[in-house]
């Protein structure tokens, strides 16, 4: 029985050591999205469209670079 408790404790320790980074990053990303939503909501209609379009274009570029890290090298050739 003690061995089972040690294994469960060790498993929980590993989960919190390696899983906490993922949980924290997800939490921070959600906070950032809420902040951006508040900024967008406070803008007038015309500026809201411009800001949203610009933000989405930047986000797409970031995601593209993340998924294709060598895309810049391909464009240079």
PDB file of N, CA and C in Angstrom:
ATOM      1  N   UNK A   1       0.826  -1.199   0.000  1.00  0.00           N
ATOM      2  CA  UNK A   1       0.000   0.000   0.000  1.00  0.00           C
ATOM      3  C   UNK A   1       0.865   1.255   0.000  1.00  0.00           C
ATOM      4  N   UNK A   2       1.958   1.215   0.765  1.00  0.00           N
ATOM      5  CA  UNK A   2       2.846   2.377   0.809  1.00  0.00           C
ATOM      6  C   UNK A   2       3.472   2.642  -0.557  1.00  0.00           C
ATOM      7  N   UNK A   3       3.790   1.568  -1.259  1.00  0.00           N
ATOM      8  CA  UNK A   3       4.401   1.716  -2.582  1.00  0.00           C
ATOM      9  C   UNK A   3       3.446   2.425  -3.533  1.00  0.00           C
ATOM     10  N   UNK A   4       2.166   2.084  -3.448  1.00  0.00           N
ATOM     11  CA  UNK A   4       1.163   2.721  -4.298  1.00  0.00           C
ATOM     12  C   UNK A   4       1.075   4.213  -3.996  1.00  0.00           C
ATOM     13  N   UNK A   5       1.088   4.567  -2.715  1.00  0.00           N
ATOM     14  CA  UNK A   5       1.042   5.982  -2.340  1.00  0.00           C
ATOM     15  C   UNK A   5       2.275   6.725  -2.840  1.00  0.00           C
ATOM     16  N   UNK A   6       3.439   6.098  -2.756  1.00  0.00           N
ATOM     17  CA  UNK A   6       4.664   6.727  -3.257  1.00  0.00           C
ATOM     18  C   UNK A   6       4.582   6.944  -4.770  1.00  0.00           C
ATOM     19  N   UNK A   7       4.056   5.943  -5.476  1.00  0.00           N
ATOM     20  CA  UNK A   7       3.931   6.075  -6.925  1.00  0.00           C
ATOM     21  C   UNK A   7       2.946   7.178  -7.308  1.00  0.00           C
ATOM     22  N   UNK A   8       1.834   7.250  -6.592  1.00  0.00           N
ATOM     23  CA  UNK A   8       0.848   8.299  -6.855  1.00  0.00           C
ATOM     24  C   UNK A   8       1.454   9.664  -6.547  1.00  0.00           C
ATOM     25  N   UNK A   9       2.151   9.770  -5.434  1.00  0.00           N
ATOM     26  CA  UNK A   9       2.810  11.028  -5.073  1.00  0.00           C
ATOM     27  C   UNK A   9       3.851  11.434  -6.100  1.00  0.00           C
ATOM     28  N   UNK A  10       4.637  10.470  -6.554  1.00  0.00           N
ATOM     29  CA  UNK A  10       5.655  10.748  -7.561  1.00  0.00           C
ATOM     30  C   UNK A  10       5.007  11.179  -8.879  1.00  0.00           C
ATOM     31  N   UNK A  11       3.909  10.527  -9.232  1.00  0.00           N
ATOM     32  CA  UNK A  11       3.178  10.901 -10.451  1.00  0.00           C
ATOM     33  C   UNK A  11       2.629  12.315 -10.363  1.00  0.00           C
ATOM     34  N   UNK A  12       2.074  12.666  -9.201  1.00  0.00           N
ATOM     35  CA  UNK A  12       1.573  14.028  -9.010  1.00  0.00           C
ATOM     36  C   UNK A  12       2.702  15.049  -9.070  1.00  0.00           C
ATOM     37  N   UNK A  13       3.826  14.709  -8.480  1.00  0.00           N
ATOM     38  CA  UNK A  13       4.985  15.600  -8.520  1.00  0.00           C
ATOM     39  C   UNK A  13       5.423  15.848  -9.961  1.00  0.00           C
ATOM     40  N   UNK A  14       5.509  14.796 -10.746  1.00  0.00           N
ATOM     41  CA  UNK A  14       5.889  14.945 -12.155  1.00  0.00           C
ATOM     42  C   UNK A  14       4.861  15.774 -12.922  1.00  0.00           C
ATOM     43  N   UNK A  15       3.583  15.534 -12.631  1.00  0.00           N
ATOM     44  CA  UNK A  15       2.535  16.302 -13.305  1.00  0.00           C
ATOM     45  C   UNK A  15       2.676  17.786 -13.015  1.00  0.00           C
ATOM     46  N   UNK A  16       2.874  18.132 -11.747  1.00  0.00           N
ATOM     47  CA  UNK A  16       2.969  19.546 -11.403  1.00  0.00           C
ATOM     48  C   UNK A  16       4.265  20.178 -11.894  1.00  0.00           C
ATOM     49  N   UNK A  17       5.323  19.397 -11.987  1.00  0.00           N
ATOM     50  CA  UNK A  17       6.576  19.947 -12.503  1.00  0.00           C
ATOM     51  C   UNK A  17       6.491  20.238 -13.994  1.00  0.00           C
ATOM     52  N   UNK A  18       5.947  19.306 -14.759  1.00  0.00           N
ATOM     53  CA  UNK A  18       5.934  19.460 -16.209  1.00  0.00           C
ATOM     54  C   UNK A  18       4.610  19.993 -16.745  1.00  0.00           C
ATOM     55  N   UNK A  19       3.519  19.717 -16.074  1.00  0.00           N
ATOM     56  CA  UNK A  19       2.213  20.161 -16.546  1.00  0.00           C
ATOM     57  C   UNK A  19       1.884  21.588 -16.164  1.00  0.00           C
ATOM     58  N   UNK A  20       2.527  22.102 -15.126  1.00  0.00           N
ATOM     59  CA  UNK A  20       2.207  23.450 -14.664  1.00  0.00           C
ATOM     60  C   UNK A  20       2.607  24.504 -15.684  1.00  0.00           C
ATOM     61  N   UNK A  21       3.690  24.273 -16.431  1.00  0.00           N
ATOM     62  CA  UNK A  21       4.099  25.241 -17.450  1.00  0.00           C
ATOM     63  C   UNK A  21       3.017  25.393 -18.506  1.00  0.00           C
ATOM     64  N   UNK A  22       2.429  24.296 -18.894  1.00  0.00           N
ATOM     65  CA  UNK A  22       1.370  24.335 -19.896  1.00  0.00           C
ATOM     66  C   UNK A  22       0.152  25.062 -19.347  1.00  0.00           C
ATOM     67  N   UNK A  23      -0.218  24.767 -18.116  1.00  0.00           N
ATOM     68  CA  UNK A  23      -1.377  25.418 -17.512  1.00  0.00           C
ATOM     69  C   UNK A  23      -1.155  26.917 -17.374  1.00  0.00           C
ATOM     70  N   UNK A  24       0.044  27.317 -16.964  1.00  0.00           N
ATOM     71  CA  UNK A  24       0.357  28.736 -16.806  1.00  0.00           C
ATOM     72  C   UNK A  24       0.333  29.439 -18.159  1.00  0.00           C
ATOM     73  N   UNK A  25       0.881  28.809 -19.187  1.00  0.00           N
ATOM     74  CA  UNK A  25       0.894  29.448 -20.504  1.00  0.00           C
ATOM     75  C   UNK A  25      -0.520  29.593 -21.061  1.00  0.00           C
ATOM     76  N   UNK A  26      -1.371  28.604 -20.829  1.00  0.00           N
ATOM     77  CA  UNK A  26      -2.764  28.703 -21.272  1.00  0.00           C
ATOM     78  C   UNK A  26      -3.467  29.837 -20.533  1.00  0.00           C
ATOM     79  N   UNK A  27      -3.231  29.945 -19.223  1.00  0.00           N
ATOM     80  CA  UNK A  27      -3.842  31.009 -18.426  1.00  0.00           C
ATOM     81  C   UNK A  27      -3.385  32.380 -18.915  1.00  0.00           C
ATOM     82  N   UNK A  28      -2.091  32.529 -19.182  1.00  0.00           N
ATOM     83  CA  UNK A  28      -1.567  33.820 -19.659  1.00  0.00           C
ATOM     84  C   UNK A  28      -2.130  34.179 -21.025  1.00  0.00           C
ATOM     85  N   UNK A  29      -2.273  33.193 -21.887  1.00  0.00           N
ATOM     86  CA  UNK A  29      -2.831  33.457 -23.215  1.00  0.00           C
ATOM     87  C   UNK A  29      -4.283  33.905 -23.104  1.00  0.00           C
ATOM     88  N   UNK A  30      -5.040  33.299 -22.203  1.00  0.00           N
ATOM     89  CA  UNK A  30      -6.430  33.715 -22.003  1.00  0.00           C
ATOM     90  C   UNK A  30      -6.499  35.134 -21.448  1.00  0.00           C
ATOM     91  N   UNK A  31      -5.587  35.466 -20.525  1.00  0.00           N
ATOM     92  CA  UNK A  31      -5.543  36.826 -19.993  1.00  0.00           C
ATOM     93  C   UNK A  31      -5.234  37.828 -21.097  1.00  0.00           C
ATOM     94  N   UNK A  32      -4.288  37.483 -21.956  1.00  0.00           N
ATOM     95  CA  UNK A  32      -3.916  38.362 -23.056  1.00  0.00           C
ATOM     96  C   UNK A  32      -5.100  38.566 -24.000  1.00  0.00           C
ATOM     97  N   UNK A  33      -5.835  37.502 -24.284  1.00  0.00           N
ATOM     98  CA  UNK A  33      -7.002  37.619 -25.160  1.00  0.00           C
ATOM     99  C   UNK A  33      -8.077  38.508 -24.533  1.00  0.00           C
ATOM    100  N   UNK A  34      -8.301  38.369 -23.236  1.00  0.00           N
ATOM    101  CA  UNK A  34      -9.278  39.236 -22.557  1.00  0.00           C
ATOM    102  C   UNK A  34      -8.853  40.695 -22.651  1.00  0.00           C
ATOM    103  N   UNK A  35      -7.560  40.946 -22.475  1.00  0.00           N
ATOM    104  CA  UNK A  35      -7.032  42.306 -22.545  1.00  0.00           C
ATOM    105  C   UNK A  35      -7.251  42.887 -23.948  1.00  0.00           C
ATOM    106  N   UNK A  36      -6.968  42.104 -24.970  1.00  0.00           N
ATOM    107  CA  UNK A  36      -7.159  42.563 -26.346  1.00  0.00           C
ATOM    108  C   UNK A  36      -8.640  42.795 -26.631  1.00  0.00           C
ATOM    109  N   UNK A  37      -9.501  41.927 -26.129  1.00  0.00           N
ATOM    110  CA  UNK A  37     -10.943  42.113 -26.319  1.00  0.00           C
ATOM    111  C   UNK A  37     -11.413  43.404 -25.665  1.00  0.00           C
ATOM    112  N   UNK A  38     -10.872  43.734 -24.483  1.00  0.00           N
ATOM    113  CA  UNK A  38     -11.233  44.983 -23.814  1.00  0.00           C
ATOM    114  C   UNK A  38     -10.769  46.196 -24.612  1.00  0.00           C
ATOM    115  N   UNK A  39      -9.568  46.102 -25.188  1.00  0.00           N
ATOM    116  CA  UNK A  39      -9.068  47.202 -26.018  1.00  0.00           C
ATOM    117  C   UNK A  39      -9.977  47.393 -27.224  1.00  0.00           C
ATOM    118  N   UNK A  40     -10.321  46.304 -27.884  1.00  0.00           N
ATOM    119  CA  UNK A  40     -11.177  46.381 -29.072  1.00  0.00           C
ATOM    120  C   UNK A  40     -12.548  46.951 -28.710  1.00  0.00           C
ATOM    121  N   UNK A  41     -13.095  46.536 -27.581  1.00  0.00           N
ATOM    122  CA  UNK A  41     -14.421  47.009 -27.175  1.00  0.00           C
ATOM    123  C   UNK A  41     -14.426  48.503 -26.864  1.00  0.00           C
ATOM    124  N   UNK A  42     -13.286  49.047 -26.432  1.00  0.00           N
ATOM    125  CA  UNK A  42     -13.237  50.460 -26.066  1.00  0.00           C
ATOM    126  C   UNK A  42     -13.022  51.382 -27.267  1.00  0.00           C
ATOM    127  N   UNK A  43     -12.687  50.830 -28.418  1.00  0.00           N
ATOM    128  CA  UNK A  43     -12.429  51.647 -29.607  1.00  0.00           C
ATOM    129  C   UNK A  43     -13.729  51.996 -30.334  1.00  0.00           C
ATOM    130  N   UNK A  44     -13.720  53.132 -31.042  1.00  0.00           N
ATOM    131  CA  UNK A  44     -14.863  53.440 -31.910  1.00  0.00           C
ATOM    132  C   UNK A  44     -14.955  52.412 -33.042  1.00  0.00           C
ATOM    133  N   UNK A  45     -16.115  52.342 -33.666  1.00  0.00           N
ATOM    134  CA  UNK A  45     -16.388  51.306 -34.679  1.00  0.00           C
ATOM    135  C   UNK A  45     -15.342  51.267 -35.794  1.00  0.00           C
ATOM    136  N   UNK A  46     -15.005  52.409 -36.357  1.00  0.00           N
ATOM    137  CA  UNK A  46     -14.079  52.445 -37.490  1.00  0.00           C
ATOM    138  C   UNK A  46     -12.681  51.971 -37.083  1.00  0.00           C
ATOM    139  N   UNK A  47     -12.212  52.448 -35.948  1.00  0.00           N
ATOM    140  CA  UNK A  47     -10.888  52.044 -35.476  1.00  0.00           C
ATOM    141  C   UNK A  47     -10.879  50.581 -35.033  1.00  0.00           C
ATOM    142  N   UNK A  48     -12.014  50.111 -34.561  1.00  0.00           N
ATOM    143  CA  UNK A  48     -12.131  48.714 -34.136  1.00  0.00           C
ATOM    144  C   UNK A  48     -11.865  47.767 -35.304  1.00  0.00           C
ATOM    145  N   UNK A  49     -12.419  48.101 -36.457  1.00  0.00           N
ATOM    146  CA  UNK A  49     -12.221  47.271 -37.650  1.00  0.00           C
ATOM    147  C   UNK A  49     -10.758  47.289 -38.064  1.00  0.00           C
ATOM    148  N   UNK A  50     -10.138  48.476 -38.077  1.00  0.00           N
ATOM    149  CA  UNK A  50      -8.726  48.587 -38.463  1.00  0.00           C
ATOM    150  C   UNK A  50      -7.834  47.806 -37.505  1.00  0.00           C
ATOM    151  N   UNK A  51      -8.077  47.983 -36.207  1.00  0.00           N
ATOM    152  CA  UNK A  51      -7.258  47.301 -35.205  1.00  0.00           C
ATOM    153  C   UNK A  51      -7.409  45.788 -35.315  1.00  0.00           C
ATOM    154  N   UNK A  52      -8.644  45.327 -35.450  1.00  0.00           N
ATOM    155  CA  UNK A  52      -8.893  43.882 -35.540  1.00  0.00           C
ATOM    156  C   UNK A  52      -8.222  43.282 -36.767  1.00  0.00           C
ATOM    157  N   UNK A  53      -8.326  43.974 -37.899  1.00  0.00           N
ATOM    158  CA  UNK A  53      -7.707  43.481 -39.128  1.00  0.00           C
ATOM    159  C   UNK A  53      -6.194  43.409 -38.979  1.00  0.00           C
ATOM    160  N   UNK A  54      -5.607  44.472 -38.433  1.00  0.00           N
ATOM    161  CA  UNK A  54      -4.152  44.510 -38.251  1.00  0.00           C
ATOM    162  C   UNK A  54      -3.700  43.424 -37.274  1.00  0.00           C
ATOM    163  N   UNK A  55      -4.433  43.268 -36.171  1.00  0.00           N
ATOM    164  CA  UNK A  55      -4.069  42.257 -35.178  1.00  0.00           C
ATOM    165  C   UNK A  55      -4.153  40.854 -35.770  1.00  0.00           C
ATOM    166  N   UNK A  56      -5.222  40.578 -36.506  1.00  0.00           N
ATOM    167  CA  UNK A  56      -5.386  39.244 -37.087  1.00  0.00           C
ATOM    168  C   UNK A  56      -4.305  38.940 -38.115  1.00  0.00           C
ATOM    169  N   UNK A  57      -3.917  39.930 -38.909  1.00  0.00           N
ATOM    170  CA  UNK A  57      -2.838  39.717 -39.883  1.00  0.00           C
ATOM    171  C   UNK A  57      -1.528  39.383 -39.168  1.00  0.00           C
ATOM    172  N   UNK A  58      -1.232  40.122 -38.093  1.00  0.00           N
ATOM    173  CA  UNK A  58      -0.003  39.856 -37.333  1.00  0.00           C
ATOM    174  C   UNK A  58      -0.049  38.471 -36.704  1.00  0.00           C
ATOM    175  N   UNK A  59      -1.195  38.100 -36.186  1.00  0.00           N
ATOM    176  CA  UNK A  59      -1.341  36.789 -35.538  1.00  0.00           C
ATOM    177  C   UNK A  59      -1.165  35.653 -36.553  1.00  0.00           C
ATOM    178  N   UNK A  60      -1.723  35.828 -37.736  1.00  0.00           N
ATOM    179  CA  UNK A  60      -1.576  34.813 -38.782  1.00  0.00           C
ATOM    180  C   UNK A  60      -0.105  34.661 -39.161  1.00  0.00           C
ATOM    181  N   UNK A  61       0.611  35.785 -39.280  1.00  0.00           N
ATOM    182  CA  UNK A  61       2.042  35.726 -39.601  1.00  0.00           C
ATOM    183  C   UNK A  61       2.820  34.998 -38.505  1.00  0.00           C
ATOM    184  N   UNK A  62       2.485  35.282 -37.238  1.00  0.00           N
ATOM    185  CA  UNK A  62       3.158  34.606 -36.121  1.00  0.00           C
ATOM    186  C   UNK A  62       2.908  33.106 -36.171  1.00  0.00           C
ATOM    187  N   UNK A  63       1.662  32.722 -36.387  1.00  0.00           N
ATOM    188  CA  UNK A  63       1.329  31.300 -36.438  1.00  0.00           C
ATOM    189  C   UNK A  63       2.000  30.620 -37.621  1.00  0.00           C
ATOM    190  N   UNK A  64       2.068  31.308 -38.751  1.00  0.00           N
ATOM    191  CA  UNK A  64       2.711  30.736 -39.928  1.00  0.00           C
ATOM    192  C   UNK A  64       4.195  30.506 -39.651  1.00  0.00           C
ATOM    193  N   UNK A  65       4.839  31.474 -38.997  1.00  0.00           N
ATOM    194  CA  UNK A  65       6.263  31.323 -38.677  1.00  0.00           C
ATOM    195  C   UNK A  65       6.480  30.217 -37.648  1.00  0.00           C
ATOM    196  N   UNK A  66       5.535  30.041 -36.738  1.00  0.00           N
ATOM    197  CA  UNK A  66       5.645  28.988 -35.735  1.00  0.00           C
ATOM    198  C   UNK A  66       5.526  27.613 -36.386  1.00  0.00           C
ATOM    199  N   UNK A  67       4.583  27.483 -37.311  1.00  0.00           N
ATOM    200  CA  UNK A  67       4.369  26.194 -37.970  1.00  0.00           C
ATOM    201  C   UNK A  67       5.411  25.923 -39.043  1.00  0.00           C
ATOM    202  N   UNK A  68       5.959  26.982 -39.642  1.00  0.00           N
ATOM    203  CA  UNK A  68       6.951  26.848 -40.711  1.00  0.00           C
ATOM    204  C   UNK A  68       8.187  27.669 -40.354  1.00  0.00           C
ATOM    205  N   UNK A  69       9.009  27.181 -39.435  1.00  0.00           N
ATOM    206  CA  UNK A  69      10.138  27.990 -38.957  1.00  0.00           C
ATOM    207  C   UNK A  69      11.149  28.340 -40.038  1.00  0.00           C
ATOM    208  N   UNK A  70      11.186  27.592 -41.130  1.00  0.00           N
ATOM    209  CA  UNK A  70      12.156  27.866 -42.190  1.00  0.00           C
ATOM    210  C   UNK A  70      11.523  28.612 -43.360  1.00  0.00           C
ATOM    211  N   UNK A  71      10.344  29.197 -43.150  1.00  0.00           N
ATOM    212  CA  UNK A  71       9.666  29.892 -44.242  1.00  0.00           C
ATOM    213  C   UNK A  71      10.452  31.109 -44.715  1.00  0.00           C
ATOM    214  N   UNK A  72      11.155  31.791 -43.810  1.00  0.00           N
ATOM    215  CA  UNK A  72      11.960  32.948 -44.197  1.00  0.00           C
ATOM    216  C   UNK A  72      13.101  32.536 -45.109  1.00  0.00           C
ATOM    217  N   UNK A  73      13.685  31.383 -44.868  1.00  0.00           N
ATOM    218  CA  UNK A  73      14.775  30.906 -45.709  1.00  0.00           C
ATOM    219  C   UNK A  73      14.280  30.578 -47.110  1.00  0.00           C
ATOM    220  N   UNK A  74      13.083  30.048 -47.215  1.00  0.00           N
ATOM    221  CA  UNK A  74      12.524  29.703 -48.524  1.00  0.00           C
ATOM    222  C   UNK A  74      12.213  30.963 -49.327  1.00  0.00           C
ATOM    223  N   UNK A  75      11.813  32.036 -48.637  1.00  0.00           N
ATOM    224  CA  UNK A  75      11.486  33.283 -49.328  1.00  0.00           C
ATOM    225  C   UNK A  75      12.733  33.991 -49.844  1.00  0.00           C
ATOM    226  N   UNK A  76      13.874  33.785 -49.202  1.00  0.00           N
ATOM    227  CA  UNK A  76      15.108  34.457 -49.592  1.00  0.00           C
ATOM    228  C   UNK A  76      15.673  33.900 -50.888  1.00  0.00           C
ATOM    229  N   UNK A  77      15.407  32.645 -51.188  1.00  0.00           N
ATOM    230  CA  UNK A  77      15.995  32.008 -52.375  1.00  0.00           C
ATOM    231  C   UNK A  77      15.387  32.469 -53.654  1.00  0.00           C
TER     232      UNK A  77
END
